[in-house]
N, C-alpha and C. Protein backbone atom coordinates (compact mmCIF):
# COMPACT_ATOMS: atom_id res chain seq x y z
N MET A 1 -7.56 5.02 -22.77
CA MET A 1 -7.84 4.19 -24.14
C MET A 1 -8.10 3.45 -23.67
N ARG A 2 -9.12 2.79 -24.86
CA ARG A 2 -9.91 1.52 -24.57
C ARG A 2 -9.68 0.82 -26.37
N PRO A 3 -8.78 0.43 -26.64
CA PRO A 3 -8.30 -0.60 -27.93
C PRO A 3 -9.31 -0.98 -28.56
N ALA A 4 -9.74 -2.39 -27.28
CA ALA A 4 -10.94 -3.72 -28.24
C ALA A 4 -11.40 -3.91 -26.81
N ASP A 5 -12.48 -4.63 -27.20
CA ASP A 5 -13.74 -4.97 -26.10
C ASP A 5 -12.56 -5.81 -24.56
N GLY A 6 -12.90 -4.73 -23.82
CA GLY A 6 -12.20 -5.41 -22.11
C GLY A 6 -10.91 -4.87 -21.92
N TRP A 7 -10.24 -3.89 -22.51
CA TRP A 7 -9.41 -3.70 -22.62
C TRP A 7 -9.44 -2.39 -21.79
N PHE A 8 -8.55 -1.72 -21.07
CA PHE A 8 -8.32 -0.50 -20.81
C PHE A 8 -6.92 0.11 -20.27
N PHE A 9 -6.30 1.14 -21.48
CA PHE A 9 -5.10 1.38 -21.05
C PHE A 9 -4.79 3.26 -20.63
N SER A 10 -4.34 3.36 -19.62
CA SER A 10 -4.11 4.76 -19.21
C SER A 10 -2.77 5.19 -18.52
N LEU A 11 -2.77 6.43 -18.82
CA LEU A 11 -1.15 7.24 -18.36
C LEU A 11 -2.03 8.43 -17.33
N SER A 12 -1.18 8.90 -16.60
CA SER A 12 -1.50 10.22 -15.80
C SER A 12 0.19 10.29 -15.26
N GLY A 13 0.27 11.94 -15.17
CA GLY A 13 1.21 12.42 -14.07
C GLY A 13 0.55 13.55 -13.09
N SER A 14 1.14 13.57 -12.20
CA SER A 14 0.34 14.57 -11.42
C SER A 14 1.52 15.27 -10.29
N ARG A 15 1.48 16.23 -9.71
CA ARG A 15 2.03 17.08 -8.78
C ARG A 15 1.23 17.16 -8.17
N THR A 16 1.87 16.70 -6.22
CA THR A 16 1.00 17.15 -5.08
C THR A 16 1.93 17.43 -4.03
N SER A 17 1.42 18.38 -2.99
CA SER A 17 1.84 18.54 -2.30
C SER A 17 1.16 18.63 -0.70
N ARG A 18 1.69 18.22 0.39
CA ARG A 18 0.31 18.37 1.52
C ARG A 18 1.35 18.87 2.65
N ALA A 19 0.80 20.11 3.78
CA ALA A 19 1.07 19.79 5.02
C ALA A 19 1.91 18.86 6.47
N PRO A 20 2.48 18.73 6.76
CA PRO A 20 3.21 17.73 7.62
C PRO A 20 1.78 17.28 8.60
N ALA A 21 1.72 16.44 8.61
CA ALA A 21 0.63 15.76 9.77
C ALA A 21 0.95 16.11 11.39
N GLN A 22 -0.36 16.34 12.24
CA GLN A 22 -0.05 16.79 13.42
C GLN A 22 1.03 16.01 14.01
N GLU A 23 1.08 14.61 13.50
CA GLU A 23 1.92 13.69 14.45
C GLU A 23 3.17 13.90 14.18
N GLU A 24 4.16 13.99 13.03
CA GLU A 24 5.05 14.77 12.50
C GLU A 24 5.45 16.03 12.86
N LEU A 25 4.56 16.58 13.61
CA LEU A 25 5.26 17.97 13.99
C LEU A 25 5.47 17.90 15.54
N PHE A 26 4.95 17.62 16.04
CA PHE A 26 4.54 17.51 17.54
C PHE A 26 4.38 15.97 18.58
N ALA A 27 5.20 15.09 17.86
CA ALA A 27 4.99 13.77 18.54
C ALA A 27 5.85 13.76 19.32
N ASN A 28 5.97 13.77 20.89
CA ASN A 28 6.88 13.14 21.77
C ASN A 28 6.35 12.24 22.85
N GLY A 29 6.95 11.08 22.41
CA GLY A 29 6.18 10.17 23.20
C GLY A 29 6.48 8.70 22.78
N PRO A 30 6.10 8.12 23.51
CA PRO A 30 5.96 6.30 22.99
C PRO A 30 4.74 6.11 22.47
N HIS A 31 4.60 5.29 21.46
CA HIS A 31 3.60 4.76 20.44
C HIS A 31 4.25 3.15 20.28
N PRO A 32 3.19 2.67 21.24
CA PRO A 32 3.38 0.95 21.80
C PRO A 32 3.01 0.57 20.34
N ALA A 33 1.73 0.86 19.28
CA ALA A 33 1.77 0.29 18.23
C ALA A 33 2.72 0.22 16.78
N THR A 34 3.37 1.66 17.18
CA THR A 34 4.39 1.17 16.16
C THR A 34 5.92 0.81 17.14
N ARG A 35 5.79 0.39 18.06
CA ARG A 35 6.50 0.05 19.23
C ARG A 35 8.21 0.90 19.09
N ALA A 36 7.56 2.13 18.78
CA ALA A 36 8.66 3.61 18.84
C ALA A 36 8.17 4.60 19.80
N TYR A 37 9.41 5.36 20.29
CA TYR A 37 8.95 6.49 20.61
C TYR A 37 9.21 7.36 19.72
N GLU A 38 8.38 8.54 19.50
CA GLU A 38 8.01 9.39 18.21
C GLU A 38 8.50 10.80 18.72
N VAL A 39 9.27 11.19 17.94
CA VAL A 39 10.04 12.68 18.31
C VAL A 39 9.39 13.63 16.47
N GLY A 40 8.59 14.75 16.81
CA GLY A 40 8.31 15.43 15.88
C GLY A 40 9.30 16.80 15.86
N ASP A 41 9.11 17.39 14.41
CA ASP A 41 10.06 18.34 14.18
C ASP A 41 8.83 19.38 13.92
N ALA A 42 8.81 20.87 14.37
CA ALA A 42 8.08 21.68 14.39
C ALA A 42 8.17 22.31 13.25
N ASN A 43 9.76 22.33 12.86
CA ASN A 43 10.33 22.80 11.48
C ASN A 43 9.73 22.57 10.13
N LEU A 44 9.45 21.12 9.96
CA LEU A 44 8.90 20.58 8.76
C LEU A 44 8.48 21.59 7.78
N ASP A 45 8.77 21.06 6.61
CA ASP A 45 8.27 21.87 5.59
C ASP A 45 7.10 21.15 4.74
N GLN A 46 6.56 21.76 3.90
CA GLN A 46 5.79 20.60 2.85
C GLN A 46 6.48 19.67 2.46
N GLU A 47 6.03 18.71 1.65
CA GLU A 47 5.92 17.78 1.07
C GLU A 47 5.59 17.75 -0.27
N VAL A 48 6.49 17.70 -1.44
CA VAL A 48 5.98 18.03 -2.50
C VAL A 48 6.08 16.70 -4.02
N SER A 49 5.39 15.67 -4.60
CA SER A 49 5.73 14.95 -5.30
C SER A 49 5.80 14.92 -6.49
N TRP A 50 6.13 14.76 -7.20
CA TRP A 50 6.02 14.16 -8.72
C TRP A 50 5.78 12.54 -8.70
N SER A 51 4.77 12.56 -10.05
CA SER A 51 4.11 10.98 -9.93
C SER A 51 3.93 11.09 -11.59
N LEU A 52 3.77 9.45 -12.16
CA LEU A 52 3.90 8.81 -12.97
C LEU A 52 3.04 7.54 -12.95
N ASP A 53 1.79 7.45 -13.33
CA ASP A 53 1.54 6.39 -13.40
C ASP A 53 0.88 5.57 -14.61
N ALA A 54 0.79 4.41 -14.80
CA ALA A 54 0.63 3.62 -16.18
C ALA A 54 -0.19 2.22 -15.82
N THR A 55 -1.85 2.41 -16.26
CA THR A 55 -2.34 0.93 -15.62
C THR A 55 -2.94 0.66 -17.21
N ALA A 56 -3.08 -0.74 -17.33
CA ALA A 56 -3.84 -1.79 -17.87
C ALA A 56 -4.52 -2.83 -17.04
N HIS A 57 -5.77 -2.90 -17.79
CA HIS A 57 -7.34 -3.50 -16.85
C HIS A 57 -7.83 -3.84 -18.34
N TYR A 58 -8.23 -5.55 -17.56
CA TYR A 58 -8.91 -6.80 -18.58
C TYR A 58 -10.00 -6.99 -18.10
N ASP A 59 -10.72 -7.19 -19.12
CA ASP A 59 -12.37 -7.61 -18.38
C ASP A 59 -13.08 -8.58 -18.93
N SER A 60 -13.34 -9.87 -18.85
CA SER A 60 -13.85 -10.72 -19.73
C SER A 60 -14.95 -11.37 -19.10
N GLU A 61 -15.71 -12.57 -19.30
CA GLU A 61 -16.77 -13.28 -18.82
C GLU A 61 -15.93 -13.50 -17.59
N ARG A 62 -14.91 -14.98 -17.51
CA ARG A 62 -14.67 -15.25 -16.12
C ARG A 62 -13.26 -14.44 -15.71
N TRP A 63 -12.23 -13.64 -16.75
CA TRP A 63 -11.52 -13.11 -15.68
C TRP A 63 -11.71 -11.74 -15.73
N THR A 64 -10.77 -11.35 -14.87
CA THR A 64 -10.84 -9.84 -14.52
C THR A 64 -8.98 -9.61 -14.10
N ALA A 65 -8.31 -8.57 -15.04
CA ALA A 65 -7.22 -7.99 -14.60
C ALA A 65 -6.45 -6.40 -14.07
N ASP A 66 -5.78 -6.28 -13.24
CA ASP A 66 -5.33 -4.93 -13.46
C ASP A 66 -3.92 -5.33 -13.13
N LEU A 67 -3.06 -3.93 -13.49
CA LEU A 67 -2.09 -3.35 -13.87
C LEU A 67 -1.72 -2.28 -13.19
N HIS A 68 -0.64 -2.30 -12.70
CA HIS A 68 -0.54 -0.14 -12.27
C HIS A 68 0.98 -0.23 -11.78
N LEU A 69 1.45 0.32 -12.69
CA LEU A 69 2.94 0.79 -12.38
C LEU A 69 3.06 2.24 -12.40
N PHE A 70 3.89 2.51 -11.25
CA PHE A 70 4.12 3.58 -10.75
C PHE A 70 5.56 4.41 -10.33
N ALA A 71 5.92 5.39 -10.16
CA ALA A 71 7.17 6.38 -10.06
C ALA A 71 6.96 7.60 -9.49
N VAL A 72 7.09 7.83 -8.83
CA VAL A 72 7.43 9.27 -7.59
C VAL A 72 8.50 9.62 -7.15
N ARG A 73 8.80 11.27 -7.52
CA ARG A 73 9.94 11.88 -7.05
C ARG A 73 9.43 12.79 -6.12
N TYR A 74 10.22 13.07 -4.88
CA TYR A 74 9.76 13.64 -3.84
C TYR A 74 10.76 14.97 -3.18
N ASP A 75 10.11 16.00 -3.47
CA ASP A 75 11.21 17.05 -2.55
C ASP A 75 10.41 17.19 -1.33
N GLY A 76 11.32 16.72 -0.23
CA GLY A 76 10.65 17.25 1.13
C GLY A 76 10.30 16.12 1.84
N PHE A 77 10.78 14.72 1.36
CA PHE A 77 10.30 13.40 2.04
C PHE A 77 9.97 13.60 3.16
N ILE A 78 8.91 13.33 3.92
CA ILE A 78 8.32 13.19 5.20
C ILE A 78 9.01 11.63 5.91
N ASP A 79 9.40 11.42 6.62
CA ASP A 79 10.25 10.10 6.95
C ASP A 79 10.42 10.23 8.29
N LEU A 80 10.07 9.16 8.87
CA LEU A 80 10.10 8.33 10.49
C LEU A 80 11.58 7.91 10.68
N ARG A 81 12.25 7.91 11.17
CA ARG A 81 14.20 7.32 11.27
C ARG A 81 15.03 7.09 12.29
N PRO A 82 15.00 5.89 12.70
CA PRO A 82 15.95 5.50 13.68
C PRO A 82 17.19 6.53 14.28
N THR A 83 17.06 7.04 15.48
CA THR A 83 18.03 7.45 15.41
C THR A 83 19.26 6.66 16.52
N GLY A 84 18.79 5.43 16.93
CA GLY A 84 20.11 4.77 17.26
C GLY A 84 19.66 4.98 18.91
N GLU A 85 18.99 5.49 19.35
CA GLU A 85 19.23 5.90 20.61
C GLU A 85 17.40 5.13 21.69
N GLU A 86 17.65 4.93 22.70
CA GLU A 86 16.38 4.20 23.30
C GLU A 86 15.82 5.21 24.73
N ASP A 87 14.85 4.80 24.48
CA ASP A 87 14.07 6.19 25.87
C ASP A 87 14.31 5.15 26.62
N GLU A 88 14.86 6.09 28.07
CA GLU A 88 14.98 5.14 29.14
C GLU A 88 13.40 4.81 29.84
N GLU A 89 12.85 5.49 29.80
CA GLU A 89 11.50 5.14 30.96
C GLU A 89 10.36 4.12 29.74
N SER A 90 10.48 3.81 28.75
CA SER A 90 9.28 2.59 27.61
C SER A 90 10.46 1.97 27.44
N HIS A 91 11.56 1.98 26.96
CA HIS A 91 12.41 1.38 26.81
C HIS A 91 12.53 0.91 25.12
N LEU A 92 11.58 1.76 24.80
CA LEU A 92 11.74 2.01 22.93
C LEU A 92 12.52 2.46 22.33
N PRO A 93 12.59 1.76 20.96
CA PRO A 93 13.60 3.35 20.15
C PRO A 93 13.42 4.20 19.92
N ILE A 94 13.94 5.48 19.99
CA ILE A 94 13.81 6.39 19.65
C ILE A 94 13.33 6.66 17.57
N TYR A 95 12.51 7.08 17.45
CA TYR A 95 12.61 7.69 16.09
C TYR A 95 12.25 8.66 15.87
N ALA A 96 12.89 9.50 14.79
CA ALA A 96 12.33 11.13 14.56
C ALA A 96 11.75 11.32 13.43
N TYR A 97 10.91 12.32 13.33
CA TYR A 97 10.38 12.61 11.68
C TYR A 97 11.49 13.84 11.43
N LEU A 98 11.61 13.70 10.03
CA LEU A 98 12.99 14.19 9.65
C LEU A 98 12.20 14.25 7.67
N GLN A 99 13.12 15.35 7.05
CA GLN A 99 13.16 15.20 5.88
C GLN A 99 14.18 15.37 4.99
N THR A 100 13.82 14.12 3.85
CA THR A 100 15.11 14.40 2.75
C THR A 100 14.33 13.86 0.86
N ASP A 101 15.09 14.12 0.69
CA ASP A 101 14.44 13.85 -1.30
C ASP A 101 14.10 12.16 -1.07
N ALA A 102 13.33 11.87 -2.16
CA ALA A 102 13.38 10.59 -2.18
C ALA A 102 12.53 10.00 -3.66
N ASP A 103 12.76 8.91 -3.80
CA ASP A 103 12.38 8.59 -4.94
C ASP A 103 11.69 6.79 -4.74
N PHE A 104 10.30 6.58 -5.34
CA PHE A 104 10.43 5.62 -5.17
C PHE A 104 9.35 4.67 -6.37
N HIS A 105 9.32 3.24 -7.26
CA HIS A 105 8.88 3.16 -7.93
C HIS A 105 8.20 1.91 -8.15
N GLY A 106 7.36 0.95 -8.45
CA GLY A 106 7.10 -0.38 -8.09
C GLY A 106 5.63 -0.69 -8.64
N PHE A 107 4.81 -1.62 -8.33
CA PHE A 107 3.38 -1.78 -9.21
C PHE A 107 2.80 -2.88 -7.71
N GLU A 108 1.69 -2.64 -8.57
CA GLU A 108 0.76 -3.57 -7.87
C GLU A 108 -0.59 -3.99 -8.82
N ALA A 109 -0.77 -5.29 -8.98
CA ALA A 109 -1.22 -6.62 -9.99
C ALA A 109 -2.52 -7.00 -9.24
N GLU A 110 -3.50 -7.35 -9.88
CA GLU A 110 -4.47 -7.75 -9.27
C GLU A 110 -5.68 -8.59 -10.28
N VAL A 111 -5.62 -10.04 -10.03
CA VAL A 111 -6.23 -10.43 -11.11
C VAL A 111 -7.58 -11.63 -10.88
N SER A 112 -8.55 -11.62 -11.06
CA SER A 112 -9.72 -13.02 -10.75
C SER A 112 -9.90 -13.73 -11.53
N TYR A 113 -10.67 -14.93 -11.12
CA TYR A 113 -10.56 -15.78 -12.13
C TYR A 113 -12.03 -16.29 -11.76
N ARG A 114 -13.53 -16.24 -11.76
CA ARG A 114 -14.60 -16.88 -11.99
C ARG A 114 -14.87 -18.09 -11.98
N LEU A 115 -14.77 -19.17 -10.77
CA LEU A 115 -14.24 -20.84 -11.19
C LEU A 115 -15.83 -21.46 -11.85
N TRP A 116 -16.70 -21.11 -11.00
CA TRP A 116 -18.22 -20.96 -10.91
C TRP A 116 -18.84 -20.45 -10.76
N GLN A 117 -19.96 -20.75 -11.68
CA GLN A 117 -21.43 -19.69 -11.39
C GLN A 117 -22.41 -20.44 -11.95
N GLU A 118 -23.92 -20.31 -10.97
CA GLU A 118 -24.97 -21.08 -11.65
C GLU A 118 -25.76 -19.93 -11.30
N GLY A 119 -26.54 -19.27 -11.96
CA GLY A 119 -27.38 -17.98 -11.63
C GLY A 119 -26.64 -17.08 -11.14
N THR A 120 -27.06 -16.64 -9.73
CA THR A 120 -26.34 -15.24 -9.25
C THR A 120 -25.75 -15.81 -8.00
N SER A 121 -25.65 -16.92 -8.07
CA SER A 121 -24.18 -17.92 -6.71
C SER A 121 -23.12 -17.83 -8.35
N SER A 122 -21.66 -17.69 -7.46
CA SER A 122 -20.66 -18.04 -7.84
C SER A 122 -19.85 -18.06 -6.61
N PHE A 123 -18.19 -18.27 -7.43
CA PHE A 123 -16.49 -18.57 -6.67
C PHE A 123 -15.79 -18.68 -7.72
N ARG A 124 -14.84 -17.25 -7.05
CA ARG A 124 -14.12 -17.22 -7.87
C ARG A 124 -12.57 -16.91 -6.97
N LEU A 125 -11.49 -17.23 -7.34
CA LEU A 125 -10.28 -17.44 -6.62
C LEU A 125 -9.49 -15.69 -7.60
N GLU A 126 -9.13 -14.89 -6.42
CA GLU A 126 -8.57 -13.46 -6.41
C GLU A 126 -6.74 -14.18 -5.91
N GLY A 127 -6.26 -13.23 -6.69
CA GLY A 127 -4.95 -12.80 -5.96
C GLY A 127 -4.71 -11.34 -6.29
N ALA A 128 -3.48 -10.82 -5.92
CA ALA A 128 -3.15 -9.31 -5.80
C ALA A 128 -1.09 -10.00 -5.13
N ALA A 129 -0.72 -9.08 -5.46
CA ALA A 129 0.36 -8.80 -5.57
C ALA A 129 1.00 -7.24 -5.73
N ASP A 130 1.76 -6.79 -4.59
CA ASP A 130 2.41 -5.21 -5.05
C ASP A 130 3.87 -5.47 -4.87
N TYR A 131 4.60 -4.10 -5.16
CA TYR A 131 6.12 -4.11 -4.70
C TYR A 131 6.25 -2.66 -4.83
N VAL A 132 6.90 -2.37 -4.22
CA VAL A 132 7.72 -0.81 -4.10
C VAL A 132 8.80 -0.43 -3.57
N ARG A 133 9.65 0.26 -4.56
CA ARG A 133 11.55 0.25 -3.83
C ARG A 133 11.57 1.90 -3.60
N GLY A 134 11.94 2.12 -2.70
CA GLY A 134 12.11 3.55 -2.31
C GLY A 134 13.97 3.54 -2.22
N ASP A 135 13.71 4.75 -2.22
CA ASP A 135 15.51 4.99 -1.95
C ASP A 135 15.40 6.63 -1.70
N THR A 136 16.29 7.31 -0.33
CA THR A 136 15.85 8.44 -0.09
C THR A 136 17.73 8.63 -0.01
N ASP A 137 17.63 10.39 0.30
CA ASP A 137 19.03 10.73 0.56
C ASP A 137 19.81 9.64 1.35
N LEU A 138 18.73 9.20 2.46
CA LEU A 138 19.47 8.59 3.83
C LEU A 138 19.49 7.15 3.40
N GLY A 139 19.41 6.74 2.36
CA GLY A 139 19.03 4.95 2.31
C GLY A 139 17.78 4.52 2.00
N ALA A 140 17.50 3.07 2.76
CA ALA A 140 15.98 2.62 2.33
C ALA A 140 15.16 3.71 3.32
N PRO A 141 13.70 3.74 2.55
CA PRO A 141 13.04 4.37 3.86
C PRO A 141 12.44 3.81 5.01
N ALA A 142 12.07 3.90 6.21
CA ALA A 142 11.87 3.37 6.45
C ALA A 142 10.55 2.93 6.68
N ARG A 143 10.13 1.61 7.56
CA ARG A 143 8.79 1.03 7.39
C ARG A 143 8.05 1.11 6.37
N ILE A 144 8.79 0.70 5.45
CA ILE A 144 7.48 0.09 3.89
C ILE A 144 8.45 -0.70 3.76
N PRO A 145 7.11 -1.67 3.49
CA PRO A 145 7.08 -3.46 3.27
C PRO A 145 7.26 -3.27 1.42
N PRO A 146 8.62 -4.06 1.36
CA PRO A 146 8.72 -3.99 -0.29
C PRO A 146 7.62 -4.71 -1.42
N TRP A 147 7.52 -6.11 -0.39
CA TRP A 147 6.02 -6.44 -1.16
C TRP A 147 5.19 -6.95 -0.35
N SER A 148 4.40 -7.62 -0.96
CA SER A 148 3.00 -8.54 -0.63
C SER A 148 2.21 -8.64 -1.37
N ALA A 149 1.97 -10.14 -0.99
CA ALA A 149 0.84 -10.96 -2.08
C ALA A 149 -0.39 -11.51 -1.39
N ALA A 150 -1.23 -11.82 -1.59
CA ALA A 150 -2.51 -12.03 -1.12
C ALA A 150 -3.05 -13.20 -2.29
N LEU A 151 -3.55 -14.57 -1.87
CA LEU A 151 -4.59 -15.15 -2.55
C LEU A 151 -5.74 -15.58 -1.46
N ARG A 152 -6.78 -15.52 -2.44
CA ARG A 152 -8.12 -16.09 -1.65
C ARG A 152 -9.55 -16.32 -2.54
N GLY A 153 -10.34 -17.13 -1.65
CA GLY A 153 -11.37 -17.72 -3.11
C GLY A 153 -12.83 -16.65 -2.07
N VAL A 154 -13.30 -16.51 -3.10
CA VAL A 154 -14.64 -15.58 -2.53
C VAL A 154 -16.41 -16.38 -3.08
N ALA A 155 -17.24 -16.75 -1.83
CA ALA A 155 -18.64 -17.37 -2.81
C ALA A 155 -19.50 -16.53 -2.34
N GLU A 156 -20.10 -16.01 -4.02
CA GLU A 156 -21.47 -15.51 -3.21
C GLU A 156 -22.69 -16.00 -3.83
N GLY A 157 -23.72 -15.46 -3.42
CA GLY A 157 -25.19 -15.94 -3.44
C GLY A 157 -25.74 -14.83 -3.93
N PRO A 158 -26.58 -15.01 -4.03
CA PRO A 158 -27.82 -14.50 -5.15
C PRO A 158 -27.94 -12.47 -4.09
N ALA A 159 -27.50 -11.76 -5.44
CA ALA A 159 -27.40 -10.51 -4.90
C ALA A 159 -26.21 -10.02 -4.02
N GLY A 160 -25.27 -10.84 -4.52
CA GLY A 160 -24.02 -10.78 -3.29
C GLY A 160 -23.70 -11.29 -2.19
N ALA A 161 -25.05 -12.30 -2.00
CA ALA A 161 -25.22 -12.42 -0.69
C ALA A 161 -24.92 -14.02 -0.52
N PRO A 162 -23.62 -14.56 0.81
CA PRO A 162 -23.42 -15.70 0.71
C PRO A 162 -24.26 -16.75 0.40
N ALA A 163 -24.38 -17.63 -0.13
CA ALA A 163 -25.09 -19.10 -0.63
C ALA A 163 -25.95 -19.14 0.55
N TRP A 164 -24.90 -19.32 1.40
CA TRP A 164 -26.07 -20.21 2.54
C TRP A 164 -26.28 -19.34 3.79
N ARG A 165 -26.75 -17.99 3.30
CA ARG A 165 -27.55 -17.05 4.13
C ARG A 165 -28.39 -15.89 3.13
N PRO A 166 -29.30 -15.72 2.80
CA PRO A 166 -29.52 -14.73 2.32
C PRO A 166 -29.38 -13.32 3.27
N GLY A 167 -28.77 -12.30 2.30
CA GLY A 167 -28.40 -10.49 2.49
C GLY A 167 -26.74 -11.05 3.35
N GLY A 168 -26.68 -10.16 4.09
CA GLY A 168 -24.86 -10.00 4.42
C GLY A 168 -23.83 -10.18 2.70
N SER A 169 -22.36 -10.03 3.26
CA SER A 169 -21.35 -9.97 2.33
C SER A 169 -20.63 -11.47 1.95
N PRO A 170 -20.17 -11.50 1.12
CA PRO A 170 -19.83 -12.55 0.50
C PRO A 170 -18.63 -13.15 1.48
N ALA A 171 -18.38 -14.66 1.53
CA ALA A 171 -18.00 -15.43 2.03
C ALA A 171 -16.24 -15.16 1.28
N ARG A 172 -15.77 -15.09 2.35
CA ARG A 172 -14.09 -15.02 1.85
C ARG A 172 -13.36 -15.50 2.74
N ILE A 173 -12.43 -16.75 1.77
CA ILE A 173 -11.37 -17.09 3.13
C ILE A 173 -9.88 -16.53 1.73
N GLY A 174 -8.80 -16.68 2.66
CA GLY A 174 -7.28 -16.22 2.08
C GLY A 174 -6.75 -16.38 2.85
N TRP A 175 -5.28 -15.96 2.62
CA TRP A 175 -3.55 -15.43 2.44
C TRP A 175 -3.36 -14.05 2.04
N ARG A 176 -2.24 -13.84 2.86
CA ARG A 176 -1.63 -12.69 3.15
C ARG A 176 -0.01 -13.07 3.14
N THR A 177 0.57 -11.85 2.62
CA THR A 177 2.20 -12.23 3.39
C THR A 177 2.80 -11.03 2.61
N SER A 178 3.60 -10.61 3.55
CA SER A 178 4.36 -9.48 3.18
C SER A 178 5.68 -9.42 4.03
N SER A 179 6.63 -8.72 3.62
CA SER A 179 8.12 -8.74 3.69
C SER A 179 8.53 -7.49 3.81
N CYS A 180 9.81 -7.45 4.94
CA CYS A 180 10.46 -6.27 5.21
C CYS A 180 12.08 -6.57 4.60
N ARG A 181 12.42 -5.24 4.48
CA ARG A 181 13.80 -5.68 4.24
C ARG A 181 14.71 -6.34 5.39
N PRO A 182 15.49 -6.84 5.58
CA PRO A 182 16.68 -7.53 6.54
C PRO A 182 17.43 -5.72 7.08
N THR A 183 17.67 -5.01 6.48
CA THR A 183 18.08 -3.79 7.01
C THR A 183 16.82 -2.65 7.91
N ALA A 184 15.56 -2.71 7.57
CA ALA A 184 14.32 -2.10 7.71
C ALA A 184 13.74 -2.14 9.04
N THR A 185 13.77 -0.96 9.38
CA THR A 185 12.77 -0.99 11.09
C THR A 185 11.52 -1.87 11.02
N PRO A 186 10.92 -1.56 11.94
CA PRO A 186 9.24 -2.61 11.98
C PRO A 186 8.66 -2.45 11.01
N CYS A 187 8.08 -2.92 9.80
CA CYS A 187 6.82 -2.43 9.39
C CYS A 187 5.37 -2.48 10.07
């Protein structure tokens, strides 16, 4: 729906399902990147979700903004949970894939402001934030950071190139952070 110049709103719902991934079914060993010894479950069933998404978008000469709200209900959510045990050889904590029901909700927001423009060269400030809250039959889901935020400046030259050299991608400098729940497993 476009109620006025620069504005767009939408609402959508969906039902999706997916089969378990290979690692969710057959993992059985250390995974240094996640700092865990992962154990799959060959008996996992499909994961089914129902979701509702709402979007608002605004675009003007200097400003662009997006807001997305979402809620998702899972039947058979596939989660990687700590078992409380440690692998004797790798000394990594053991995590096992299992299924549980789950509900998630949250938002994503982005805003951009063109601070300066001369011809096809410009500099803009961008900010983004997101938040997710999830609950399963077993408590908070593992490895999902509840929020993150980012700020950055973007300089562009002619045809999207940095002002100091032709061709190439925009120059970006920024900051990003996220948080884990105090009781959550490593994110």
